Amino acid sequence: MSPTIFRYRNYRFYFFSREEPRLHVHVISPDGEAKFWLEPKIELAVNKGISPTELNELKRIVEERQNEIRDSWNKHFNA
């Protein structure tokens, strides 16, 4: 199961239900995919095909919406 947290333009922000316990978010688009850690700080963990410019924008979105991501994570995994 991979619940969608939100969509932004052609990006889907989501996480996998059965993956590592460290807080993170996956992002996928037609161009590729990325994974960002949220702890201990927001940083890129994996990138497959997304340009540096797009990665900067995605990191900014993760920073701006980190509370929403954290809330979704907590609701899903603590339910």
C-alpha atoms as a PDB file:
ATOM      1  CA  MET A   1       0.000   0.000   0.000  1.00  0.00           C
ATOM      2  CA  SER A   2       1.325   3.447  -0.860  1.00  0.00           C
ATOM      3  CA  PRO A   3      -0.987   6.223   0.331  1.00  0.00           C
ATOM      4  CA  THR A   4      -0.904   9.498  -1.565  1.00  0.00           C
ATOM      5  CA  ILE A   5      -0.282  12.459   0.724  1.00  0.00           C
ATOM      6  CA  PHE A   6      -0.866  15.133  -1.908  1.00  0.00           C
ATOM      7  CA  ARG A   7      -0.260  16.021  -5.540  1.00  0.00           C
ATOM      8  CA  TYR A   8       1.603  19.056  -6.810  1.00  0.00           C
ATOM      9  CA  ARG A   9       1.635  19.727 -10.550  1.00  0.00           C
ATOM     10  CA  ASN A  10       2.572  16.371 -12.101  1.00  0.00           C
ATOM     11  CA  TYR A  11       4.162  15.056  -8.890  1.00  0.00           C
ATOM     12  CA  ARG A  12       2.660  12.577  -6.479  1.00  0.00           C
ATOM     13  CA  PHE A  13       3.935  12.661  -2.888  1.00  0.00           C
ATOM     14  CA  TYR A  14       3.445   9.366  -1.064  1.00  0.00           C
ATOM     15  CA  PHE A  15       4.980   6.740   1.185  1.00  0.00           C
ATOM     16  CA  PHE A  16       5.062   2.959   1.339  1.00  0.00           C
ATOM     17  CA  SER A  17       3.313   1.230   4.202  1.00  0.00           C
ATOM     18  CA  ARG A  18       5.918  -1.466   4.637  1.00  0.00           C
ATOM     19  CA  GLU A  19       9.227   0.293   4.388  1.00  0.00           C
ATOM     20  CA  GLU A  20      11.808   1.585   6.823  1.00  0.00           C
ATOM     21  CA  PRO A  21      10.598   3.411   9.948  1.00  0.00           C
ATOM     22  CA  ARG A  22      12.601   6.619   9.388  1.00  0.00           C
ATOM     23  CA  LEU A  23      10.265   9.438   8.361  1.00  0.00           C
ATOM     24  CA  HIS A  24      10.526  10.111   4.622  1.00  0.00           C
ATOM     25  CA  VAL A  25       8.446  10.847   1.554  1.00  0.00           C
ATOM     26  CA  HIS A  26       8.601   9.553  -2.019  1.00  0.00           C
ATOM     27  CA  VAL A  27       7.880  11.738  -5.030  1.00  0.00           C
ATOM     28  CA  ILE A  28       7.112  10.403  -8.485  1.00  0.00           C
ATOM     29  CA  SER A  29       6.461  12.049 -11.845  1.00  0.00           C
ATOM     30  CA  PRO A  30       6.627  11.021 -15.498  1.00  0.00           C
ATOM     31  CA  ASP A  31      10.290  12.154 -15.481  1.00  0.00           C
ATOM     32  CA  GLY A  32      11.467  10.091 -12.527  1.00  0.00           C
ATOM     33  CA  GLU A  33      11.286   9.684  -8.803  1.00  0.00           C
ATOM     34  CA  ALA A  34      12.960  10.850  -5.621  1.00  0.00           C
ATOM     35  CA  LYS A  35      12.927  10.190  -1.907  1.00  0.00           C
ATOM     36  CA  PHE A  36      13.459  12.792   0.805  1.00  0.00           C
ATOM     37  CA  TRP A  37      14.313  12.168   4.448  1.00  0.00           C
ATOM     38  CA  LEU A  38      12.458  14.388   6.905  1.00  0.00           C
ATOM     39  CA  GLU A  39      14.547  13.371   9.903  1.00  0.00           C
ATOM     40  CA  PRO A  40      16.899  14.373  11.319  1.00  0.00           C
ATOM     41  CA  LYS A  41      16.696  17.088   8.640  1.00  0.00           C
ATOM     42  CA  ILE A  42      15.089  17.393   5.229  1.00  0.00           C
ATOM     43  CA  GLU A  43      17.485  16.071   2.618  1.00  0.00           C
ATOM     44  CA  LEU A  44      17.508  14.108  -0.605  1.00  0.00           C
ATOM     45  CA  ALA A  45      17.932  10.360  -0.092  1.00  0.00           C
ATOM     46  CA  VAL A  46      17.460   9.018  -3.647  1.00  0.00           C
ATOM     47  CA  ASN A  47      17.030  10.492  -7.119  1.00  0.00           C
ATOM     48  CA  LYS A  48      16.250   8.661 -10.334  1.00  0.00           C
ATOM     49  CA  GLY A  49      15.860  10.951 -13.316  1.00  0.00           C
ATOM     50  CA  ILE A  50      14.696  14.224 -11.801  1.00  0.00           C
ATOM     51  CA  SER A  51      16.718  17.310 -12.749  1.00  0.00           C
ATOM     52  CA  PRO A  52      18.582  19.378 -10.139  1.00  0.00           C
ATOM     53  CA  THR A  53      16.220  22.302 -10.746  1.00  0.00           C
ATOM     54  CA  GLU A  54      13.174  20.129 -10.130  1.00  0.00           C
ATOM     55  CA  LEU A  55      14.810  18.594  -7.045  1.00  0.00           C
ATOM     56  CA  ASN A  56      15.292  22.045  -5.551  1.00  0.00           C
ATOM     57  CA  GLU A  57      11.632  22.822  -6.142  1.00  0.00           C
ATOM     58  CA  LEU A  58      10.545  19.486  -4.674  1.00  0.00           C
ATOM     59  CA  LYS A  59      12.698  19.991  -1.592  1.00  0.00           C
ATOM     60  CA  ARG A  60      11.099  23.402  -1.116  1.00  0.00           C
ATOM     61  CA  ILE A  61       7.627  21.814  -1.352  1.00  0.00           C
ATOM     62  CA  VAL A  62       8.607  19.155   1.203  1.00  0.00           C
ATOM     63  CA  GLU A  63       9.885  21.891   3.521  1.00  0.00           C
ATOM     64  CA  GLU A  64       6.715  23.952   3.113  1.00  0.00           C
ATOM     65  CA  ARG A  65       4.390  20.996   3.610  1.00  0.00           C
ATOM     66  CA  GLN A  66       6.409  18.970   6.085  1.00  0.00           C
ATOM     67  CA  ASN A  67       3.720  19.267   8.774  1.00  0.00           C
ATOM     68  CA  GLU A  68       1.157  17.784   6.416  1.00  0.00           C
ATOM     69  CA  ILE A  69       3.561  14.958   5.536  1.00  0.00           C
ATOM     70  CA  ARG A  70       4.308  14.290   9.222  1.00  0.00           C
ATOM     71  CA  ASP A  71       0.610  14.313  10.107  1.00  0.00           C
ATOM     72  CA  SER A  72      -0.196  11.860   7.308  1.00  0.00           C
ATOM     73  CA  TRP A  73       2.698   9.618   8.369  1.00  0.00           C
ATOM     74  CA  ASN A  74       1.562   9.609  12.002  1.00  0.00           C
ATOM     75  CA  LYS A  75      -2.076   8.969  11.156  1.00  0.00           C
ATOM     76  CA  HIS A  76      -1.168   6.074   8.874  1.00  0.00           C
ATOM     77  CA  PHE A  77       1.449   4.348  11.008  1.00  0.00           C
ATOM     78  CA  ASN A  78      -0.113   4.984  14.405  1.00  0.00           C
ATOM     79  CA  ALA A  79      -3.586   3.946  13.356  1.00  0.00           C
END
